[in-house]
């Protein structure tokens, strides 16, 4: 249901007042160093996974069996094939 211009302006004034009255809660603050470390770790994990995908692709191009790939990845050959097989098809 459409609101009137007056309703919209009143709501905007209310939101502006809430914004101006806002006081940050110290309990909501986050440690920037911890967040940065987490972000860096996630980026490193992503890069490592890309490196593994490239290595698996190269291994399959050189006819390395899935059982061998699985051994190096710490899993079964079938699990490696299921996870990375579509990359090499």
C-alpha atoms as a PDB file:
ATOM      1  CA  UNK A   1       0.000   0.000   0.000  1.00  0.00           C
ATOM      2  CA  UNK A   2       1.607   3.311  -1.013  1.00  0.00           C
ATOM      3  CA  UNK A   3       2.509   5.734   1.747  1.00  0.00           C
ATOM      4  CA  UNK A   4       2.066   9.437   1.554  1.00  0.00           C
ATOM      5  CA  UNK A   5       4.963  11.814   1.050  1.00  0.00           C
ATOM      6  CA  UNK A   6       4.351  13.077   4.579  1.00  0.00           C
ATOM      7  CA  UNK A   7       4.685   9.506   5.959  1.00  0.00           C
ATOM      8  CA  UNK A   8       7.918   8.967   4.054  1.00  0.00           C
ATOM      9  CA  UNK A   9       9.395  12.272   5.228  1.00  0.00           C
ATOM     10  CA  UNK A  10       8.398  11.590   8.843  1.00  0.00           C
ATOM     11  CA  UNK A  11      10.039   8.189   8.664  1.00  0.00           C
ATOM     12  CA  UNK A  12      13.169   9.738   7.119  1.00  0.00           C
ATOM     13  CA  UNK A  13      13.309  12.273   9.955  1.00  0.00           C
ATOM     14  CA  UNK A  14      12.931   9.466  12.493  1.00  0.00           C
ATOM     15  CA  UNK A  15      15.772   7.483  10.888  1.00  0.00           C
ATOM     16  CA  UNK A  16      17.992  10.572  10.746  1.00  0.00           C
ATOM     17  CA  UNK A  17      17.393  11.201  14.452  1.00  0.00           C
ATOM     18  CA  UNK A  18      18.167   7.569  15.310  1.00  0.00           C
ATOM     19  CA  UNK A  19      21.406   7.875  13.324  1.00  0.00           C
ATOM     20  CA  UNK A  20      22.411  11.068  15.102  1.00  0.00           C
ATOM     21  CA  UNK A  21      21.574   9.625  18.534  1.00  0.00           C
ATOM     22  CA  UNK A  22      23.437   6.355  17.934  1.00  0.00           C
ATOM     23  CA  UNK A  23      26.238   5.555  20.347  1.00  0.00           C
ATOM     24  CA  UNK A  24      28.500   2.634  19.402  1.00  0.00           C
ATOM     25  CA  UNK A  25      28.564  -0.276  21.807  1.00  0.00           C
ATOM     26  CA  UNK A  26      32.162  -1.254  22.683  1.00  0.00           C
ATOM     27  CA  UNK A  27      31.010  -4.892  22.834  1.00  0.00           C
ATOM     28  CA  UNK A  28      30.352  -4.727  19.078  1.00  0.00           C
ATOM     29  CA  UNK A  29      33.949  -3.759  18.267  1.00  0.00           C
ATOM     30  CA  UNK A  30      36.151  -6.358  16.577  1.00  0.00           C
ATOM     31  CA  UNK A  31      39.900  -6.848  16.784  1.00  0.00           C
ATOM     32  CA  UNK A  32      41.212  -5.694  13.410  1.00  0.00           C
ATOM     33  CA  UNK A  33      44.336  -7.863  13.678  1.00  0.00           C
ATOM     34  CA  UNK A  34      42.261 -10.998  14.267  1.00  0.00           C
ATOM     35  CA  UNK A  35      39.946 -10.207  11.350  1.00  0.00           C
ATOM     36  CA  UNK A  36      42.939  -9.468   9.110  1.00  0.00           C
ATOM     37  CA  UNK A  37      44.588 -12.753  10.079  1.00  0.00           C
ATOM     38  CA  UNK A  38      41.385 -14.649   9.339  1.00  0.00           C
ATOM     39  CA  UNK A  39      41.023 -12.949   5.956  1.00  0.00           C
ATOM     40  CA  UNK A  40      44.657 -13.699   5.077  1.00  0.00           C
ATOM     41  CA  UNK A  41      44.266 -17.359   6.071  1.00  0.00           C
ATOM     42  CA  UNK A  42      41.148 -17.702   3.922  1.00  0.00           C
ATOM     43  CA  UNK A  43      42.954 -16.172   0.939  1.00  0.00           C
ATOM     44  CA  UNK A  44      45.923 -18.527   1.460  1.00  0.00           C
ATOM     45  CA  UNK A  45      43.587 -21.527   1.647  1.00  0.00           C
ATOM     46  CA  UNK A  46      41.924 -20.450  -1.593  1.00  0.00           C
ATOM     47  CA  UNK A  47      45.301 -20.090  -3.297  1.00  0.00           C
ATOM     48  CA  UNK A  48      46.415 -23.490  -1.980  1.00  0.00           C
ATOM     49  CA  UNK A  49      43.239 -25.144  -3.281  1.00  0.00           C
ATOM     50  CA  UNK A  50      43.814 -23.584  -6.706  1.00  0.00           C
ATOM     51  CA  UNK A  51      47.371 -24.931  -6.643  1.00  0.00           C
ATOM     52  CA  UNK A  52      46.073 -28.430  -5.781  1.00  0.00           C
ATOM     53  CA  UNK A  53      43.520 -28.277  -8.618  1.00  0.00           C
ATOM     54  CA  UNK A  54      46.248 -27.296 -11.080  1.00  0.00           C
ATOM     55  CA  UNK A  55      48.517 -30.074  -9.828  1.00  0.00           C
ATOM     56  CA  UNK A  56      45.734 -32.664 -10.121  1.00  0.00           C
ATOM     57  CA  UNK A  57      44.946 -31.486 -13.638  1.00  0.00           C
ATOM     58  CA  UNK A  58      48.615 -31.768 -14.601  1.00  0.00           C
ATOM     59  CA  UNK A  59      48.917 -35.207 -12.978  1.00  0.00           C
ATOM     60  CA  UNK A  60      45.902 -36.497 -14.895  1.00  0.00           C
ATOM     61  CA  UNK A  61      47.295 -35.077 -18.159  1.00  0.00           C
ATOM     62  CA  UNK A  62      50.357 -37.238 -17.458  1.00  0.00           C
ATOM     63  CA  UNK A  63      48.185 -40.306 -16.779  1.00  0.00           C
ATOM     64  CA  UNK A  64      48.832 -40.439 -13.030  1.00  0.00           C
ATOM     65  CA  UNK A  65      46.167 -42.790 -11.615  1.00  0.00           C
ATOM     66  CA  UNK A  66      43.510 -41.531  -9.228  1.00  0.00           C
ATOM     67  CA  UNK A  67      44.766 -43.891  -6.510  1.00  0.00           C
ATOM     68  CA  UNK A  68      48.163 -42.167  -6.561  1.00  0.00           C
ATOM     69  CA  UNK A  69      46.580 -38.716  -6.579  1.00  0.00           C
ATOM     70  CA  UNK A  70      44.360 -39.732  -3.666  1.00  0.00           C
ATOM     71  CA  UNK A  71      47.364 -40.983  -1.715  1.00  0.00           C
ATOM     72  CA  UNK A  72      49.121 -37.631  -2.072  1.00  0.00           C
ATOM     73  CA  UNK A  73      45.970 -35.767  -1.110  1.00  0.00           C
ATOM     74  CA  UNK A  74      45.387 -37.949   1.949  1.00  0.00           C
ATOM     75  CA  UNK A  75      42.214 -39.541   0.623  1.00  0.00           C
ATOM     76  CA  UNK A  76      41.100 -42.434  -1.538  1.00  0.00           C
ATOM     77  CA  UNK A  77      41.504 -42.384  -5.286  1.00  0.00           C
ATOM     78  CA  UNK A  78      37.716 -42.473  -5.669  1.00  0.00           C
ATOM     79  CA  UNK A  79      37.259 -39.460  -3.388  1.00  0.00           C
ATOM     80  CA  UNK A  80      39.931 -37.565  -5.353  1.00  0.00           C
ATOM     81  CA  UNK A  81      38.227 -38.491  -8.630  1.00  0.00           C
ATOM     82  CA  UNK A  82      34.848 -37.337  -7.320  1.00  0.00           C
ATOM     83  CA  UNK A  83      36.246 -34.029  -6.140  1.00  0.00           C
ATOM     84  CA  UNK A  84      38.586 -33.204  -9.025  1.00  0.00           C
ATOM     85  CA  UNK A  85      37.475 -35.447 -11.889  1.00  0.00           C
ATOM     86  CA  UNK A  86      35.284 -32.848 -13.581  1.00  0.00           C
ATOM     87  CA  UNK A  87      38.341 -30.597 -13.922  1.00  0.00           C
ATOM     88  CA  UNK A  88      40.150 -33.146 -16.027  1.00  0.00           C
ATOM     89  CA  UNK A  89      37.330 -34.412 -18.236  1.00  0.00           C
END
